């Protein structure tokens, strides 16, 4: 009688997994292109924001148009399709008082939102959008990049909170050496440029 250990079982992956793997290879081979967004891109921006669960009405669309006038927002494109974006504009930031405010002599770019379509998560798009914003800040001779990431945590050790249960944006900013503080508008990250 043949024992189970003596049998050689041939294990084959289900066809569905094979197809998924083929699609993954195809998706990974696509190139992502980045460009500064302009007012002509507003409909594509609104479409992406809606797909990632932002509620966008006429008021929000008007605010997006105002943000785009500052020419600090970037888009990520795959096959000419907008798949991710960062909405950002120039503002004032005082590192010693930890204040973000409007003023005539702007010294920072604030990243308002980074939105990436779910199918394109995990490709480094968020990190590249942050990097491009830092380069733009340097090019425009601004001193900081700032982002209000979310609600202030109750705990005092902000970094530990981000490491254990932070958002993708918070973790990306932490990995890019941003400093964090509990701000007036929520958990705020900043990085001195240059």
C-alpha atoms as a PDB file:
ATOM      1  CA  UNK A   1       0.000   0.000   0.000  1.00  0.00           C
ATOM      2  CA  UNK A   2       1.305   3.440  -0.976  1.00  0.00           C
ATOM      3  CA  UNK A   3       1.833   5.949   1.830  1.00  0.00           C
ATOM      4  CA  UNK A   4       0.730   9.571   1.531  1.00  0.00           C
ATOM      5  CA  UNK A   5       4.301  10.782   2.040  1.00  0.00           C
ATOM      6  CA  UNK A   6       5.427   8.801  -1.014  1.00  0.00           C
ATOM      7  CA  UNK A   7       2.946  10.483  -3.335  1.00  0.00           C
ATOM      8  CA  UNK A   8       4.166  13.521  -5.155  1.00  0.00           C
ATOM      9  CA  UNK A   9       1.371  15.997  -5.360  1.00  0.00           C
ATOM     10  CA  UNK A  10       1.513  18.520  -8.128  1.00  0.00           C
ATOM     11  CA  UNK A  11       0.133  21.774  -6.808  1.00  0.00           C
ATOM     12  CA  UNK A  12      -1.033  24.265  -9.403  1.00  0.00           C
ATOM     13  CA  UNK A  13      -2.219  27.798  -8.773  1.00  0.00           C
ATOM     14  CA  UNK A  14      -5.829  28.511  -9.674  1.00  0.00           C
ATOM     15  CA  UNK A  15      -6.247  30.183 -13.064  1.00  0.00           C
ATOM     16  CA  UNK A  16      -7.664  33.330 -11.438  1.00  0.00           C
ATOM     17  CA  UNK A  17      -4.402  33.885  -9.542  1.00  0.00           C
ATOM     18  CA  UNK A  18      -2.379  33.403 -12.718  1.00  0.00           C
ATOM     19  CA  UNK A  19      -4.476  36.051 -14.497  1.00  0.00           C
ATOM     20  CA  UNK A  20      -4.106  38.446 -11.577  1.00  0.00           C
ATOM     21  CA  UNK A  21      -0.335  38.063 -11.701  1.00  0.00           C
ATOM     22  CA  UNK A  22      -0.289  38.765 -15.460  1.00  0.00           C
ATOM     23  CA  UNK A  23      -2.316  41.944 -14.942  1.00  0.00           C
ATOM     24  CA  UNK A  24       0.020  43.011 -12.159  1.00  0.00           C
ATOM     25  CA  UNK A  25       3.035  42.688 -14.444  1.00  0.00           C
ATOM     26  CA  UNK A  26       1.245  44.727 -17.101  1.00  0.00           C
ATOM     27  CA  UNK A  27       0.255  47.423 -14.615  1.00  0.00           C
ATOM     28  CA  UNK A  28       3.752  47.594 -13.141  1.00  0.00           C
ATOM     29  CA  UNK A  29       5.266  48.143 -16.589  1.00  0.00           C
ATOM     30  CA  UNK A  30       3.193  51.299 -17.153  1.00  0.00           C
ATOM     31  CA  UNK A  31       5.094  54.518 -16.764  1.00  0.00           C
ATOM     32  CA  UNK A  32       3.854  57.275 -14.512  1.00  0.00           C
ATOM     33  CA  UNK A  33       4.412  60.831 -15.714  1.00  0.00           C
ATOM     34  CA  UNK A  34       4.174  63.880 -13.479  1.00  0.00           C
ATOM     35  CA  UNK A  35       3.305  67.464 -14.405  1.00  0.00           C
ATOM     36  CA  UNK A  36       2.231  70.714 -12.814  1.00  0.00           C
ATOM     37  CA  UNK A  37      -1.537  70.997 -12.884  1.00  0.00           C
ATOM     38  CA  UNK A  38      -3.320  73.968 -14.411  1.00  0.00           C
ATOM     39  CA  UNK A  39      -6.881  75.317 -14.455  1.00  0.00           C
ATOM     40  CA  UNK A  40      -7.590  73.293 -17.622  1.00  0.00           C
ATOM     41  CA  UNK A  41      -7.142  70.135 -15.510  1.00  0.00           C
ATOM     42  CA  UNK A  42      -9.929  70.975 -13.064  1.00  0.00           C
ATOM     43  CA  UNK A  43     -12.489  68.479 -14.422  1.00  0.00           C
ATOM     44  CA  UNK A  44      -9.977  65.618 -14.256  1.00  0.00           C
ATOM     45  CA  UNK A  45      -9.008  66.685 -10.722  1.00  0.00           C
ATOM     46  CA  UNK A  46     -12.645  66.741  -9.610  1.00  0.00           C
ATOM     47  CA  UNK A  47     -13.160  63.291 -11.139  1.00  0.00           C
ATOM     48  CA  UNK A  48     -10.206  61.786  -9.234  1.00  0.00           C
ATOM     49  CA  UNK A  49     -11.239  63.451  -5.972  1.00  0.00           C
ATOM     50  CA  UNK A  50     -14.772  62.095  -6.296  1.00  0.00           C
ATOM     51  CA  UNK A  51     -13.471  58.593  -7.021  1.00  0.00           C
ATOM     52  CA  UNK A  52     -11.455  58.623  -3.786  1.00  0.00           C
ATOM     53  CA  UNK A  53     -14.512  59.721  -1.738  1.00  0.00           C
ATOM     54  CA  UNK A  54     -14.197  63.516  -1.612  1.00  0.00           C
ATOM     55  CA  UNK A  55     -17.462  65.409  -1.897  1.00  0.00           C
ATOM     56  CA  UNK A  56     -16.930  68.063  -4.561  1.00  0.00           C
ATOM     57  CA  UNK A  57     -19.601  70.654  -5.324  1.00  0.00           C
ATOM     58  CA  UNK A  58     -19.444  74.051  -7.026  1.00  0.00           C
ATOM     59  CA  UNK A  59     -17.903  75.712  -3.949  1.00  0.00           C
ATOM     60  CA  UNK A  60     -15.103  73.122  -3.752  1.00  0.00           C
ATOM     61  CA  UNK A  61     -14.496  73.330  -7.507  1.00  0.00           C
ATOM     62  CA  UNK A  62     -14.067  77.100  -7.183  1.00  0.00           C
ATOM     63  CA  UNK A  63     -11.563  76.562  -4.340  1.00  0.00           C
ATOM     64  CA  UNK A  64      -9.631  74.081  -6.498  1.00  0.00           C
ATOM     65  CA  UNK A  65      -9.435  76.666  -9.293  1.00  0.00           C
ATOM     66  CA  UNK A  66      -8.013  79.204  -6.804  1.00  0.00           C
ATOM     67  CA  UNK A  67      -5.437  76.646  -5.616  1.00  0.00           C
ATOM     68  CA  UNK A  68      -4.389  75.871  -9.200  1.00  0.00           C
ATOM     69  CA  UNK A  69      -3.637  79.555  -9.869  1.00  0.00           C
ATOM     70  CA  UNK A  70      -0.638  79.250  -7.513  1.00  0.00           C
ATOM     71  CA  UNK A  71       0.953  76.621  -9.821  1.00  0.00           C
ATOM     72  CA  UNK A  72       2.140  74.362  -6.973  1.00  0.00           C
ATOM     73  CA  UNK A  73      -0.117  71.340  -7.601  1.00  0.00           C
ATOM     74  CA  UNK A  74       1.092  68.199  -9.363  1.00  0.00           C
ATOM     75  CA  UNK A  75      -0.660  65.404 -11.221  1.00  0.00           C
ATOM     76  CA  UNK A  76       0.440  61.821 -11.839  1.00  0.00           C
ATOM     77  CA  UNK A  77      -0.565  60.392 -15.218  1.00  0.00           C
ATOM     78  CA  UNK A  78      -0.577  56.869 -16.617  1.00  0.00           C
ATOM     79  CA  UNK A  79      -1.426  56.671 -20.327  1.00  0.00           C
ATOM     80  CA  UNK A  80      -2.621  60.295 -20.214  1.00  0.00           C
ATOM     81  CA  UNK A  81      -5.100  59.437 -17.431  1.00  0.00           C
ATOM     82  CA  UNK A  82      -4.847  61.414 -14.192  1.00  0.00           C
ATOM     83  CA  UNK A  83      -4.403  58.763 -11.479  1.00  0.00           C
ATOM     84  CA  UNK A  84      -3.086  60.858  -8.578  1.00  0.00           C
ATOM     85  CA  UNK A  85      -2.636  64.474  -7.556  1.00  0.00           C
ATOM     86  CA  UNK A  86      -1.453  66.829  -4.886  1.00  0.00           C
ATOM     87  CA  UNK A  87      -3.280  70.100  -4.343  1.00  0.00           C
ATOM     88  CA  UNK A  88      -0.878  72.685  -2.957  1.00  0.00           C
ATOM     89  CA  UNK A  89      -0.372  76.434  -2.775  1.00  0.00           C
ATOM     90  CA  UNK A  90       1.909  79.072  -1.263  1.00  0.00           C
ATOM     91  CA  UNK A  91       1.362  80.219   2.312  1.00  0.00           C
ATOM     92  CA  UNK A  92       3.249  81.563   5.342  1.00  0.00           C
ATOM     93  CA  UNK A  93       4.629  79.316   8.048  1.00  0.00           C
ATOM     94  CA  UNK A  94       6.370  80.365  11.259  1.00  0.00           C
ATOM     95  CA  UNK A  95       8.417  77.450  12.592  1.00  0.00           C
ATOM     96  CA  UNK A  96       8.991  78.938  16.046  1.00  0.00           C
ATOM     97  CA  UNK A  97       5.299  79.655  16.741  1.00  0.00           C
ATOM     98  CA  UNK A  98       4.046  76.740  14.582  1.00  0.00           C
ATOM     99  CA  UNK A  99       1.547  79.045  12.849  1.00  0.00           C
ATOM    100  CA  UNK A 100       0.225  78.712   9.301  1.00  0.00           C
ATOM    101  CA  UNK A 101      -1.320  81.900   7.945  1.00  0.00           C
ATOM    102  CA  UNK A 102      -1.890  84.057   4.866  1.00  0.00           C
ATOM    103  CA  UNK A 103       0.505  86.924   4.248  1.00  0.00           C
ATOM    104  CA  UNK A 104       2.038  88.802   1.308  1.00  0.00           C
ATOM    105  CA  UNK A 105       5.563  87.360   1.727  1.00  0.00           C
ATOM    106  CA  UNK A 106       4.871  83.631   1.459  1.00  0.00           C
ATOM    107  CA  UNK A 107       7.655  81.288   2.575  1.00  0.00           C
ATOM    108  CA  UNK A 108       6.074  77.829   2.252  1.00  0.00           C
ATOM    109  CA  UNK A 109       4.023  75.497   0.100  1.00  0.00           C
ATOM    110  CA  UNK A 110       1.197  73.743   1.886  1.00  0.00           C
ATOM    111  CA  UNK A 111       0.021  70.373   0.576  1.00  0.00           C
ATOM    112  CA  UNK A 112      -3.735  70.427   1.074  1.00  0.00           C
ATOM    113  CA  UNK A 113      -4.598  66.993  -0.269  1.00  0.00           C
ATOM    114  CA  UNK A 114      -2.959  64.056  -1.987  1.00  0.00           C
ATOM    115  CA  UNK A 115      -5.436  61.804  -3.766  1.00  0.00           C
ATOM    116  CA  UNK A 116      -4.502  58.591  -5.589  1.00  0.00           C
ATOM    117  CA  UNK A 117      -6.858  56.186  -7.324  1.00  0.00           C
ATOM    118  CA  UNK A 118      -6.976  52.891  -5.434  1.00  0.00           C
ATOM    119  CA  UNK A 119      -5.669  50.872  -8.399  1.00  0.00           C
ATOM    120  CA  UNK A 120      -2.481  52.975  -8.375  1.00  0.00           C
ATOM    121  CA  UNK A 121      -1.715  52.896  -4.639  1.00  0.00           C
ATOM    122  CA  UNK A 122       1.569  51.374  -3.547  1.00  0.00           C
ATOM    123  CA  UNK A 123       3.600  52.558  -6.547  1.00  0.00           C
ATOM    124  CA  UNK A 124       5.400  55.432  -4.856  1.00  0.00           C
ATOM    125  CA  UNK A 125       3.180  58.106  -6.425  1.00  0.00           C
ATOM    126  CA  UNK A 126       2.474  59.797  -3.076  1.00  0.00           C
ATOM    127  CA  UNK A 127       6.195  59.923  -2.268  1.00  0.00           C
ATOM    128  CA  UNK A 128       7.027  61.336  -5.722  1.00  0.00           C
ATOM    129  CA  UNK A 129       4.345  64.048  -5.376  1.00  0.00           C
ATOM    130  CA  UNK A 130       5.874  65.056  -2.030  1.00  0.00           C
ATOM    131  CA  UNK A 131       9.371  65.064  -3.543  1.00  0.00           C
ATOM    132  CA  UNK A 132       8.241  67.231  -6.488  1.00  0.00           C
ATOM    133  CA  UNK A 133       6.617  69.710  -4.104  1.00  0.00           C
ATOM    134  CA  UNK A 134       9.883  69.942  -2.158  1.00  0.00           C
ATOM    135  CA  UNK A 135      11.820  70.569  -5.389  1.00  0.00           C
ATOM    136  CA  UNK A 136       9.322  73.249  -6.432  1.00  0.00           C
ATOM    137  CA  UNK A 137       9.620  74.920  -3.027  1.00  0.00           C
ATOM    138  CA  UNK A 138      13.381  75.040  -3.431  1.00  0.00           C
ATOM    139  CA  UNK A 139      13.073  76.320  -7.016  1.00  0.00           C
ATOM    140  CA  UNK A 140      10.716  79.112  -5.879  1.00  0.00           C
ATOM    141  CA  UNK A 141      13.134  79.949  -3.042  1.00  0.00           C
ATOM    142  CA  UNK A 142      10.597  79.066  -0.364  1.00  0.00           C
ATOM    143  CA  UNK A 143      11.753  77.720   3.001  1.00  0.00           C
ATOM    144  CA  UNK A 144       9.189  75.055   3.924  1.00  0.00           C
ATOM    145  CA  UNK A 145       6.746  72.425   2.769  1.00  0.00           C
ATOM    146  CA  UNK A 146       3.841  72.004   5.199  1.00  0.00           C
ATOM    147  CA  UNK A 147       0.889  69.618   5.321  1.00  0.00           C
ATOM    148  CA  UNK A 148      -2.078  69.300   7.638  1.00  0.00           C
ATOM    149  CA  UNK A 149      -2.381  65.520   7.730  1.00  0.00           C
ATOM    150  CA  UNK A 150      -5.437  64.853   9.854  1.00  0.00           C
ATOM    151  CA  UNK A 151      -6.791  65.132  13.362  1.00  0.00           C
ATOM    152  CA  UNK A 152      -4.499  65.695  16.329  1.00  0.00           C
ATOM    153  CA  UNK A 153      -3.901  62.430  18.188  1.00  0.00           C
ATOM    154  CA  UNK A 154      -4.700  62.313  21.905  1.00  0.00           C
ATOM    155  CA  UNK A 155      -1.362  60.666  22.673  1.00  0.00           C
ATOM    156  CA  UNK A 156       1.761  62.756  23.222  1.00  0.00           C
ATOM    157  CA  UNK A 157       4.168  60.571  21.227  1.00  0.00           C
ATOM    158  CA  UNK A 158       3.056  61.616  17.720  1.00  0.00           C
ATOM    159  CA  UNK A 159       5.754  59.638  15.893  1.00  0.00           C
ATOM    160  CA  UNK A 160       4.776  56.377  17.595  1.00  0.00           C
ATOM    161  CA  UNK A 161       1.111  57.008  16.726  1.00  0.00           C
ATOM    162  CA  UNK A 162       2.036  57.578  13.066  1.00  0.00           C
ATOM    163  CA  UNK A 163       4.175  54.439  12.959  1.00  0.00           C
ATOM    164  CA  UNK A 164       1.413  52.262  14.432  1.00  0.00           C
ATOM    165  CA  UNK A 165      -1.774  53.678  12.935  1.00  0.00           C
ATOM    166  CA  UNK A 166      -0.914  56.692  10.806  1.00  0.00           C
ATOM    167  CA  UNK A 167      -2.420  57.455   7.429  1.00  0.00           C
ATOM    168  CA  UNK A 168      -0.530  56.775   4.209  1.00  0.00           C
ATOM    169  CA  UNK A 169       0.225  60.493   3.923  1.00  0.00           C
ATOM    170  CA  UNK A 170       1.531  60.712   7.502  1.00  0.00           C
ATOM    171  CA  UNK A 171       3.751  57.676   6.989  1.00  0.00           C
ATOM    172  CA  UNK A 172       5.085  59.025   3.680  1.00  0.00           C
ATOM    173  CA  UNK A 173       5.900  62.386   5.273  1.00  0.00           C
ATOM    174  CA  UNK A 174       7.579  60.674   8.237  1.00  0.00           C
ATOM    175  CA  UNK A 175       9.661  58.594   5.832  1.00  0.00           C
ATOM    176  CA  UNK A 176      10.635  61.848   4.048  1.00  0.00           C
ATOM    177  CA  UNK A 177      11.987  63.291   7.339  1.00  0.00           C
ATOM    178  CA  UNK A 178       9.181  65.705   8.150  1.00  0.00           C
ATOM    179  CA  UNK A 179       8.672  66.998  11.682  1.00  0.00           C
ATOM    180  CA  UNK A 180       5.203  66.853  13.236  1.00  0.00           C
ATOM    181  CA  UNK A 181       3.262  68.898  15.767  1.00  0.00           C
ATOM    182  CA  UNK A 182      -0.290  69.209  17.035  1.00  0.00           C
ATOM    183  CA  UNK A 183      -1.505  72.312  15.268  1.00  0.00           C
ATOM    184  CA  UNK A 184      -4.491  74.607  15.362  1.00  0.00           C
ATOM    185  CA  UNK A 185      -5.988  72.898  12.284  1.00  0.00           C
ATOM    186  CA  UNK A 186      -4.883  69.329  13.085  1.00  0.00           C
ATOM    187  CA  UNK A 187      -1.788  67.174  12.952  1.00  0.00           C
ATOM    188  CA  UNK A 188       0.737  69.181  10.955  1.00  0.00           C
ATOM    189  CA  UNK A 189       3.927  68.095   9.237  1.00  0.00           C
ATOM    190  CA  UNK A 190       6.655  70.430   8.018  1.00  0.00           C
ATOM    191  CA  UNK A 191      10.078  70.218   6.458  1.00  0.00           C
ATOM    192  CA  UNK A 192      12.660  72.953   6.114  1.00  0.00           C
ATOM    193  CA  UNK A 193      13.889  73.078   2.538  1.00  0.00           C
ATOM    194  CA  UNK A 194      17.539  73.888   1.592  1.00  0.00           C
END
